[in-house]
Amino acid sequence: MAALVLALVLLATVLASSVIAQLLPRISLPLIQIACGIAVALIAQGQIAITLNPELFLVLFIAPLLFHEAREADKVSLWKNRRSMLSYAIGLVIAI
């Protein structure tokens, strides 16, 4: 139940930051979202003590973000830079 409340608070905060970004177009959306996150943290201050399962966090937050970024990626630019990206990917895997 606490995870659901957290998800609803985060959703409401994102929606509020979107409205604020429409009202204040000179301030970038990430800065508004950071400010809203700080405000929620200060208001909740110690009231939210939730341990999220890493798999739940992956499904709720990381997967939709990755999907959105993959849909919005510039395919032509990715194809032009395929050699350097592959060399970085393979080089970093070998280095680690």
PDB file of N, CA and C in Angstrom:
ATOM      1  N   MET A   1       0.825  -1.196   0.000  1.00  0.00           N
ATOM      2  CA  MET A   1       0.000   0.000   0.000  1.00  0.00           C
ATOM      3  C   MET A   1       0.867   1.255   0.000  1.00  0.00           C
ATOM      4  N   ALA A   2       1.968   1.226   0.738  1.00  0.00           N
ATOM      5  CA  ALA A   2       2.839   2.393   0.793  1.00  0.00           C
ATOM      6  C   ALA A   2       3.489   2.654  -0.553  1.00  0.00           C
ATOM      7  N   ALA A   3       3.814   1.605  -1.285  1.00  0.00           N
ATOM      8  CA  ALA A   3       4.403   1.777  -2.616  1.00  0.00           C
ATOM      9  C   ALA A   3       3.397   2.426  -3.567  1.00  0.00           C
ATOM     10  N   LEU A   4       2.133   2.084  -3.435  1.00  0.00           N
ATOM     11  CA  LEU A   4       1.093   2.698  -4.268  1.00  0.00           C
ATOM     12  C   LEU A   4       0.958   4.176  -3.952  1.00  0.00           C
ATOM     13  N   VAL A   5       0.998   4.518  -2.686  1.00  0.00           N
ATOM     14  CA  VAL A   5       0.924   5.928  -2.289  1.00  0.00           C
ATOM     15  C   VAL A   5       2.123   6.687  -2.844  1.00  0.00           C
ATOM     16  N   LEU A   6       3.308   6.081  -2.755  1.00  0.00           N
ATOM     17  CA  LEU A   6       4.504   6.711  -3.296  1.00  0.00           C
ATOM     18  C   LEU A   6       4.379   6.928  -4.800  1.00  0.00           C
ATOM     19  N   ALA A   7       3.884   5.927  -5.508  1.00  0.00           N
ATOM     20  CA  ALA A   7       3.714   6.047  -6.959  1.00  0.00           C
ATOM     21  C   ALA A   7       2.710   7.149  -7.298  1.00  0.00           C
ATOM     22  N   LEU A   8       1.637   7.254  -6.545  1.00  0.00           N
ATOM     23  CA  LEU A   8       0.645   8.306  -6.782  1.00  0.00           C
ATOM     24  C   LEU A   8       1.207   9.689  -6.477  1.00  0.00           C
ATOM     25  N   VAL A   9       1.985   9.807  -5.416  1.00  0.00           N
ATOM     26  CA  VAL A   9       2.613  11.093  -5.085  1.00  0.00           C
ATOM     27  C   VAL A   9       3.589  11.488  -6.187  1.00  0.00           C
ATOM     28  N   LEU A  10       4.379  10.538  -6.671  1.00  0.00           N
ATOM     29  CA  LEU A  10       5.319  10.837  -7.751  1.00  0.00           C
ATOM     30  C   LEU A  10       4.588  11.234  -9.033  1.00  0.00           C
ATOM     31  N   LEU A  11       3.504  10.547  -9.343  1.00  0.00           N
ATOM     32  CA  LEU A  11       2.721  10.884 -10.527  1.00  0.00           C
ATOM     33  C   LEU A  11       2.125  12.281 -10.404  1.00  0.00           C
ATOM     34  N   ALA A  12       1.591  12.602  -9.251  1.00  0.00           N
ATOM     35  CA  ALA A  12       1.027  13.936  -9.035  1.00  0.00           C
ATOM     36  C   ALA A  12       2.114  15.007  -9.120  1.00  0.00           C
ATOM     37  N   THR A  13       3.294  14.701  -8.632  1.00  0.00           N
ATOM     38  CA  THR A  13       4.397  15.654  -8.692  1.00  0.00           C
ATOM     39  C   THR A  13       4.838  15.890 -10.132  1.00  0.00           C
ATOM     40  N   VAL A  14       4.907  14.836 -10.918  1.00  0.00           N
ATOM     41  CA  VAL A  14       5.276  14.985 -12.330  1.00  0.00           C
ATOM     42  C   VAL A  14       4.220  15.800 -13.073  1.00  0.00           C
ATOM     43  N   LEU A  15       2.952  15.535 -12.809  1.00  0.00           N
ATOM     44  CA  LEU A  15       1.888  16.310 -13.449  1.00  0.00           C
ATOM     45  C   LEU A  15       1.944  17.784 -13.033  1.00  0.00           C
ATOM     46  N   ALA A  16       2.202  18.028 -11.756  1.00  0.00           N
ATOM     47  CA  ALA A  16       2.304  19.407 -11.284  1.00  0.00           C
ATOM     48  C   ALA A  16       3.501  20.109 -11.917  1.00  0.00           C
ATOM     49  N   SER A  17       4.617  19.404 -12.061  1.00  0.00           N
ATOM     50  CA  SER A  17       5.784  20.019 -12.683  1.00  0.00           C
ATOM     51  C   SER A  17       5.527  20.327 -14.155  1.00  0.00           C
ATOM     52  N   SER A  18       4.730  19.500 -14.812  1.00  0.00           N
ATOM     53  CA  SER A  18       4.368  19.768 -16.204  1.00  0.00           C
ATOM     54  C   SER A  18       3.524  21.041 -16.319  1.00  0.00           C
ATOM     55  N   VAL A  19       2.598  21.205 -15.408  1.00  0.00           N
ATOM     56  CA  VAL A  19       1.766  22.416 -15.409  1.00  0.00           C
ATOM     57  C   VAL A  19       2.619  23.641 -15.113  1.00  0.00           C
ATOM     58  N   ILE A  20       3.515  23.525 -14.154  1.00  0.00           N
ATOM     59  CA  ILE A  20       4.392  24.649 -13.810  1.00  0.00           C
ATOM     60  C   ILE A  20       5.291  24.997 -14.988  1.00  0.00           C
ATOM     61  N   ALA A  21       5.776  23.990 -15.707  1.00  0.00           N
ATOM     62  CA  ALA A  21       6.624  24.242 -16.876  1.00  0.00           C
ATOM     63  C   ALA A  21       5.863  24.982 -17.967  1.00  0.00           C
ATOM     64  N   GLN A  22       4.568  24.717 -18.092  1.00  0.00           N
ATOM     65  CA  GLN A  22       3.751  25.446 -19.062  1.00  0.00           C
ATOM     66  C   GLN A  22       3.574  26.911 -18.648  1.00  0.00           C
ATOM     67  N   LEU A  23       3.477  27.140 -17.344  1.00  0.00           N
ATOM     68  CA  LEU A  23       3.291  28.497 -16.850  1.00  0.00           C
ATOM     69  C   LEU A  23       4.583  29.310 -16.851  1.00  0.00           C
ATOM     70  N   LEU A  24       5.716  28.632 -16.652  1.00  0.00           N
ATOM     71  CA  LEU A  24       7.025  29.284 -16.609  1.00  0.00           C
ATOM     72  C   LEU A  24       7.925  28.697 -17.704  1.00  0.00           C
ATOM     73  N   PRO A  25       7.744  29.118 -18.953  1.00  0.00           N
ATOM     74  CA  PRO A  25       8.496  28.492 -20.046  1.00  0.00           C
ATOM     75  C   PRO A  25       9.992  28.816 -20.049  1.00  0.00           C
ATOM     76  N   ARG A  26      10.421  29.807 -19.307  1.00  0.00           N
ATOM     77  CA  ARG A  26      11.836  30.179 -19.298  1.00  0.00           C
ATOM     78  C   ARG A  26      12.671  29.271 -18.410  1.00  0.00           C
ATOM     79  N   ILE A  27      12.025  28.497 -17.540  1.00  0.00           N
ATOM     80  CA  ILE A  27      12.738  27.573 -16.656  1.00  0.00           C
ATOM     81  C   ILE A  27      12.607  26.182 -17.244  1.00  0.00           C
ATOM     82  N   SER A  28      13.737  25.461 -17.319  1.00  0.00           N
ATOM     83  CA  SER A  28      13.704  24.138 -17.937  1.00  0.00           C
ATOM     84  C   SER A  28      12.947  23.134 -17.057  1.00  0.00           C
ATOM     85  N   LEU A  29      12.336  22.164 -17.714  1.00  0.00           N
ATOM     86  CA  LEU A  29      11.522  21.162 -17.020  1.00  0.00           C
ATOM     87  C   LEU A  29      12.330  20.361 -15.995  1.00  0.00           C
ATOM     88  N   PRO A  30      13.562  19.916 -16.301  1.00  0.00           N
ATOM     89  CA  PRO A  30      14.303  19.175 -15.266  1.00  0.00           C
ATOM     90  C   PRO A  30      14.542  19.982 -13.987  1.00  0.00           C
ATOM     91  N   LEU A  31      14.796  21.275 -14.122  1.00  0.00           N
ATOM     92  CA  LEU A  31      14.984  22.102 -12.918  1.00  0.00           C
ATOM     93  C   LEU A  31      13.696  22.200 -12.111  1.00  0.00           C
ATOM     94  N   ILE A  32      12.579  22.313 -12.801  1.00  0.00           N
ATOM     95  CA  ILE A  32      11.286  22.359 -12.107  1.00  0.00           C
ATOM     96  C   ILE A  32      11.018  21.028 -11.408  1.00  0.00           C
ATOM     97  N   GLN A  33      11.341  19.921 -12.062  1.00  0.00           N
ATOM     98  CA  GLN A  33      11.127  18.612 -11.460  1.00  0.00           C
ATOM     99  C   GLN A  33      12.031  18.400 -10.248  1.00  0.00           C
ATOM    100  N   ILE A  34      13.251  18.889 -10.308  1.00  0.00           N
ATOM    101  CA  ILE A  34      14.148  18.793  -9.150  1.00  0.00           C
ATOM    102  C   ILE A  34      13.591  19.606  -7.988  1.00  0.00           C
ATOM    103  N   ALA A  35      13.118  20.807  -8.284  1.00  0.00           N
ATOM    104  CA  ALA A  35      12.539  21.648  -7.228  1.00  0.00           C
ATOM    105  C   ALA A  35      11.294  20.998  -6.627  1.00  0.00           C
ATOM    106  N   CYS A  36      10.458  20.401  -7.472  1.00  0.00           N
ATOM    107  CA  CYS A  36       9.265  19.713  -6.963  1.00  0.00           C
ATOM    108  C   CYS A  36       9.661  18.507  -6.110  1.00  0.00           C
ATOM    109  N   GLY A  37      10.682  17.786  -6.517  1.00  0.00           N
ATOM    110  CA  GLY A  37      11.159  16.647  -5.730  1.00  0.00           C
ATOM    111  C   GLY A  37      11.682  17.069  -4.373  1.00  0.00           C
ATOM    112  N   ILE A  38      12.408  18.173  -4.343  1.00  0.00           N
ATOM    113  CA  ILE A  38      12.900  18.704  -3.068  1.00  0.00           C
ATOM    114  C   ILE A  38      11.732  19.129  -2.187  1.00  0.00           C
ATOM    115  N   ALA A  39      10.727  19.755  -2.788  1.00  0.00           N
ATOM    116  CA  ALA A  39       9.550  20.183  -2.020  1.00  0.00           C
ATOM    117  C   ALA A  39       8.814  18.986  -1.428  1.00  0.00           C
ATOM    118  N   VAL A  40       8.632  17.930  -2.223  1.00  0.00           N
ATOM    119  CA  VAL A  40       7.959  16.725  -1.708  1.00  0.00           C
ATOM    120  C   VAL A  40       8.787  16.100  -0.594  1.00  0.00           C
ATOM    121  N   ALA A  41      10.103  16.070  -0.768  1.00  0.00           N
ATOM    122  CA  ALA A  41      10.969  15.483   0.269  1.00  0.00           C
ATOM    123  C   ALA A  41      10.906  16.286   1.561  1.00  0.00           C
ATOM    124  N   LEU A  42      10.852  17.601   1.447  1.00  0.00           N
ATOM    125  CA  LEU A  42      10.774  18.428   2.648  1.00  0.00           C
ATOM    126  C   LEU A  42       9.416  18.311   3.328  1.00  0.00           C
ATOM    127  N   ILE A  43       8.360  18.201   2.535  1.00  0.00           N
ATOM    128  CA  ILE A  43       7.021  18.062   3.116  1.00  0.00           C
ATOM    129  C   ILE A  43       6.874  16.708   3.801  1.00  0.00           C
ATOM    130  N   ALA A  44       7.361  15.659   3.159  1.00  0.00           N
ATOM    131  CA  ALA A  44       7.212  14.300   3.690  1.00  0.00           C
ATOM    132  C   ALA A  44       8.214  14.006   4.800  1.00  0.00           C
ATOM    133  N   GLN A  45       9.301  14.657   4.836  1.00  0.00           N
ATOM    134  CA  GLN A  45      10.410  14.554   5.780  1.00  0.00           C
ATOM    135  C   GLN A  45      10.266  13.465   6.854  1.00  0.00           C
ATOM    136  N   GLY A  46      10.663  12.276   6.486  1.00  0.00           N
ATOM    137  CA  GLY A  46      10.653  11.165   7.422  1.00  0.00           C
ATOM    138  C   GLY A  46       9.359  10.371   7.447  1.00  0.00           C
ATOM    139  N   GLN A  47       8.315  10.838   6.785  1.00  0.00           N
ATOM    140  CA  GLN A  47       7.048  10.123   6.792  1.00  0.00           C
ATOM    141  C   GLN A  47       7.024   8.983   5.792  1.00  0.00           C
ATOM    142  N   ILE A  48       7.825   9.104   4.742  1.00  0.00           N
ATOM    143  CA  ILE A  48       7.859   8.060   3.720  1.00  0.00           C
ATOM    144  C   ILE A  48       9.076   7.182   3.973  1.00  0.00           C
ATOM    145  N   ALA A  49       8.818   5.989   4.451  1.00  0.00           N
ATOM    146  CA  ALA A  49       9.882   5.015   4.679  1.00  0.00           C
ATOM    147  C   ALA A  49       9.496   3.740   3.937  1.00  0.00           C
ATOM    148  N   ILE A  50       9.847   3.694   2.671  1.00  0.00           N
ATOM    149  CA  ILE A  50       9.442   2.577   1.827  1.00  0.00           C
ATOM    150  C   ILE A  50      10.676   1.896   1.281  1.00  0.00           C
ATOM    151  N   THR A  51      10.670   0.585   1.342  1.00  0.00           N
ATOM    152  CA  THR A  51      11.719  -0.183   0.697  1.00  0.00           C
ATOM    153  C   THR A  51      11.117  -0.796  -0.560  1.00  0.00           C
ATOM    154  N   LEU A  52      11.592  -0.320  -1.691  1.00  0.00           N
ATOM    155  CA  LEU A  52      11.096  -0.811  -2.965  1.00  0.00           C
ATOM    156  C   LEU A  52      11.916  -2.009  -3.416  1.00  0.00           C
ATOM    157  N   ASN A  53      11.239  -2.988  -3.887  1.00  0.00           N
ATOM    158  CA  ASN A  53      11.883  -4.136  -4.486  1.00  0.00           C
ATOM    159  C   ASN A  53      12.566  -3.662  -5.772  1.00  0.00           C
ATOM    160  N   PRO A  54      13.828  -4.025  -6.014  1.00  0.00           N
ATOM    161  CA  PRO A  54      14.507  -3.549  -7.223  1.00  0.00           C
ATOM    162  C   PRO A  54      13.786  -3.927  -8.511  1.00  0.00           C
ATOM    163  N   GLU A  55      13.150  -5.080  -8.548  1.00  0.00           N
ATOM    164  CA  GLU A  55      12.417  -5.475  -9.743  1.00  0.00           C
ATOM    165  C   GLU A  55      11.210  -4.569  -9.963  1.00  0.00           C
ATOM    166  N   LEU A  56      10.545  -4.168  -8.889  1.00  0.00           N
ATOM    167  CA  LEU A  56       9.409  -3.257  -8.990  1.00  0.00           C
ATOM    168  C   LEU A  56       9.861  -1.887  -9.490  1.00  0.00           C
ATOM    169  N   PHE A  57      10.994  -1.413  -8.976  1.00  0.00           N
ATOM    170  CA  PHE A  57      11.545  -0.138  -9.429  1.00  0.00           C
ATOM    171  C   PHE A  57      11.883  -0.199 -10.913  1.00  0.00           C
ATOM    172  N   LEU A  58      12.457  -1.308 -11.348  1.00  0.00           N
ATOM    173  CA  LEU A  58      12.800  -1.486 -12.752  1.00  0.00           C
ATOM    174  C   LEU A  58      11.562  -1.424 -13.632  1.00  0.00           C
ATOM    175  N   VAL A  59      10.516  -2.111 -13.227  1.00  0.00           N
ATOM    176  CA  VAL A  59       9.290  -2.156 -14.031  1.00  0.00           C
ATOM    177  C   VAL A  59       8.565  -0.810 -14.013  1.00  0.00           C
ATOM    178  N   LEU A  60       8.518  -0.148 -12.869  1.00  0.00           N
ATOM    179  CA  LEU A  60       7.755   1.094 -12.757  1.00  0.00           C
ATOM    180  C   LEU A  60       8.447   2.303 -13.374  1.00  0.00           C
ATOM    181  N   PHE A  61       9.771   2.368 -13.280  1.00  0.00           N
ATOM    182  CA  PHE A  61      10.454   3.590 -13.661  1.00  0.00           C
ATOM    183  C   PHE A  61      11.452   3.423 -14.800  1.00  0.00           C
ATOM    184  N   ILE A  62      12.364   2.489 -14.670  1.00  0.00           N
ATOM    185  CA  ILE A  62      13.457   2.383 -15.634  1.00  0.00           C
ATOM    186  C   ILE A  62      12.963   1.900 -17.000  1.00  0.00           C
ATOM    187  N   ALA A  63      12.151   0.859 -17.036  1.00  0.00           N
ATOM    188  CA  ALA A  63      11.692   0.311 -18.316  1.00  0.00           C
ATOM    189  C   ALA A  63      10.905   1.331 -19.148  1.00  0.00           C
ATOM    190  N   PRO A  64       9.938   2.055 -18.581  1.00  0.00           N
ATOM    191  CA  PRO A  64       9.244   3.059 -19.407  1.00  0.00           C
ATOM    192  C   PRO A  64      10.162   4.180 -19.893  1.00  0.00           C
ATOM    193  N   LEU A  65      11.129   4.578 -19.065  1.00  0.00           N
ATOM    194  CA  LEU A  65      12.061   5.614 -19.497  1.00  0.00           C
ATOM    195  C   LEU A  65      12.921   5.133 -20.657  1.00  0.00           C
ATOM    196  N   LEU A  66      13.437   3.917 -20.558  1.00  0.00           N
ATOM    197  CA  LEU A  66      14.248   3.363 -21.642  1.00  0.00           C
ATOM    198  C   LEU A  66      13.426   3.203 -22.914  1.00  0.00           C
ATOM    199  N   PHE A  67      12.191   2.766 -22.783  1.00  0.00           N
ATOM    200  CA  PHE A  67      11.323   2.602 -23.949  1.00  0.00           C
ATOM    201  C   PHE A  67      11.084   3.942 -24.636  1.00  0.00           C
ATOM    202  N   HIS A  68      10.802   4.968 -23.845  1.00  0.00           N
ATOM    203  CA  HIS A  68      10.561   6.293 -24.411  1.00  0.00           C
ATOM    204  C   HIS A  68      11.806   6.817 -25.127  1.00  0.00           C
ATOM    205  N   GLU A  69      12.963   6.681 -24.505  1.00  0.00           N
ATOM    206  CA  GLU A  69      14.198   7.160 -25.116  1.00  0.00           C
ATOM    207  C   GLU A  69      14.525   6.390 -26.392  1.00  0.00           C
ATOM    208  N   ALA A  70      14.231   5.100 -26.413  1.00  0.00           N
ATOM    209  CA  ALA A  70      14.480   4.313 -27.624  1.00  0.00           C
ATOM    210  C   ALA A  70      13.558   4.760 -28.758  1.00  0.00           C
ATOM    211  N   ARG A  71      12.338   5.109 -28.431  1.00  0.00           N
ATOM    212  CA  ARG A  71      11.394   5.564 -29.460  1.00  0.00           C
ATOM    213  C   ARG A  71      11.788   6.934 -30.008  1.00  0.00           C
ATOM    214  N   GLU A  72      12.368   7.782 -29.155  1.00  0.00           N
ATOM    215  CA  GLU A  72      12.708   9.149 -29.556  1.00  0.00           C
ATOM    216  C   GLU A  72      14.117   9.282 -30.122  1.00  0.00           C
ATOM    217  N   ALA A  73      14.901   8.225 -30.130  1.00  0.00           N
ATOM    218  CA  ALA A  73      16.287   8.295 -30.590  1.00  0.00           C
ATOM    219  C   ALA A  73      16.342   8.581 -32.088  1.00  0.00           C
ATOM    220  N   ASP A  74      17.356   9.323 -32.494  1.00  0.00           N
ATOM    221  CA  ASP A  74      17.566   9.637 -33.902  1.00  0.00           C
ATOM    222  C   ASP A  74      18.265   8.459 -34.571  1.00  0.00           C
ATOM    223  N   LYS A  75      17.502   7.721 -35.364  1.00  0.00           N
ATOM    224  CA  LYS A  75      18.023   6.487 -35.965  1.00  0.00           C
ATOM    225  C   LYS A  75      19.136   6.759 -36.976  1.00  0.00           C
ATOM    226  N   VAL A  76      19.045   7.842 -37.720  1.00  0.00           N
ATOM    227  CA  VAL A  76      20.074   8.173 -38.708  1.00  0.00           C
ATOM    228  C   VAL A  76      21.400   8.458 -38.015  1.00  0.00           C
ATOM    229  N   SER A  77      21.346   9.222 -36.948  1.00  0.00           N
ATOM    230  CA  SER A  77      22.564   9.533 -36.195  1.00  0.00           C
ATOM    231  C   SER A  77      23.158   8.276 -35.562  1.00  0.00           C
ATOM    232  N   LEU A  78      22.299   7.411 -35.049  1.00  0.00           N
ATOM    233  CA  LEU A  78      22.795   6.153 -34.487  1.00  0.00           C
ATOM    234  C   LEU A  78      23.491   5.313 -35.554  1.00  0.00           C
ATOM    235  N   TRP A  79      22.937   5.261 -36.742  1.00  0.00           N
ATOM    236  CA  TRP A  79      23.526   4.456 -37.803  1.00  0.00           C
ATOM    237  C   TRP A  79      24.861   5.057 -38.269  1.00  0.00           C
ATOM    238  N   LYS A  80      24.940   6.384 -38.316  1.00  0.00           N
ATOM    239  CA  LYS A  80      26.187   7.037 -38.721  1.00  0.00           C
ATOM    240  C   LYS A  80      27.315   6.775 -37.728  1.00  0.00           C
ATOM    241  N   ASN A  81      26.987   6.693 -36.465  1.00  0.00           N
ATOM    242  CA  ASN A  81      27.996   6.535 -35.413  1.00  0.00           C
ATOM    243  C   ASN A  81      28.091   5.105 -34.898  1.00  0.00           C
ATOM    244  N   ARG A  82      27.676   4.138 -35.675  1.00  0.00           N
ATOM    245  CA  ARG A  82      27.636   2.752 -35.205  1.00  0.00           C
ATOM    246  C   ARG A  82      29.021   2.217 -34.879  1.00  0.00           C
ATOM    247  N   ARG A  83      30.035   2.583 -35.653  1.00  0.00           N
ATOM    248  CA  ARG A  83      31.384   2.072 -35.398  1.00  0.00           C
ATOM    249  C   ARG A  83      31.915   2.525 -34.050  1.00  0.00           C
ATOM    250  N   SER A  84      31.823   3.806 -33.785  1.00  0.00           N
ATOM    251  CA  SER A  84      32.347   4.317 -32.514  1.00  0.00           C
ATOM    252  C   SER A  84      31.548   3.780 -31.328  1.00  0.00           C
ATOM    253  N   MET A  85      30.231   3.668 -31.479  1.00  0.00           N
ATOM    254  CA  MET A  85      29.423   3.142 -30.376  1.00  0.00           C
ATOM    255  C   MET A  85      29.749   1.679 -30.101  1.00  0.00           C
ATOM    256  N   LEU A  86      29.901   0.899 -31.145  1.00  0.00           N
ATOM    257  CA  LEU A  86      30.256  -0.512 -30.952  1.00  0.00           C
ATOM    258  C   LEU A  86      31.641  -0.652 -30.336  1.00  0.00           C
ATOM    259  N   SER A  87      32.580   0.174 -30.778  1.00  0.00           N
ATOM    260  CA  SER A  87      33.921   0.074 -30.207  1.00  0.00           C
ATOM    261  C   SER A  87      33.910   0.458 -28.726  1.00  0.00           C
ATOM    262  N   TYR A  88      33.128   1.480 -28.382  1.00  0.00           N
ATOM    263  CA  TYR A  88      33.009   1.844 -26.966  1.00  0.00           C
ATOM    264  C   TYR A  88      32.344   0.724 -26.169  1.00  0.00           C
ATOM    265  N   ALA A  89      31.273   0.173 -26.692  1.00  0.00           N
ATOM    266  CA  ALA A  89      30.544  -0.877 -25.973  1.00  0.00           C
ATOM    267  C   ALA A  89      31.424  -2.105 -25.776  1.00  0.00           C
ATOM    268  N   ILE A  90      32.075  -2.546 -26.826  1.00  0.00           N
ATOM    269  CA  ILE A  90      32.913  -3.735 -26.714  1.00  0.00           C
ATOM    270  C   ILE A  90      34.141  -3.450 -25.853  1.00  0.00           C
ATOM    271  N   GLY A  91      34.727  -2.271 -26.045  1.00  0.00           N
ATOM    272  CA  GLY A  91      35.900  -1.912 -25.241  1.00  0.00           C
ATOM    273  C   GLY A  91      35.591  -1.829 -23.756  1.00  0.00           C
ATOM    274  N   LEU A  92      34.441  -1.260 -23.410  1.00  0.00           N
ATOM    275  CA  LEU A  92      34.088  -1.152 -21.993  1.00  0.00           C
ATOM    276  C   LEU A  92      33.760  -2.517 -21.388  1.00  0.00           C
ATOM    277  N   VAL A  93      33.140  -3.405 -22.173  1.00  0.00           N
ATOM    278  CA  VAL A  93      32.854  -4.748 -21.664  1.00  0.00           C
ATOM    279  C   VAL A  93      34.152  -5.480 -21.407  1.00  0.00           C
ATOM    280  N   ILE A  94      35.100  -5.344 -22.303  1.00  0.00           N
ATOM    281  CA  ILE A  94      36.395  -6.013 -22.103  1.00  0.00           C
ATOM    282  C   ILE A  94      37.154  -5.395 -20.945  1.00  0.00           C
ATOM    283  N   ALA A  95      37.077  -4.066 -20.803  1.00  0.00           N
ATOM    284  CA  ALA A  95      37.790  -3.390 -19.726  1.00  0.00           C
ATOM    285  C   ALA A  95      37.244  -3.755 -18.351  1.00  0.00           C
ATOM    286  N   ILE A  96      35.971  -3.995 -18.266  1.00  0.00           N
ATOM    287  CA  ILE A  96      35.377  -4.328 -16.970  1.00  0.00           C
ATOM    288  C   ILE A  96      35.538  -5.803 -16.749  1.00  0.00           C
TER     289      ILE A  96
END
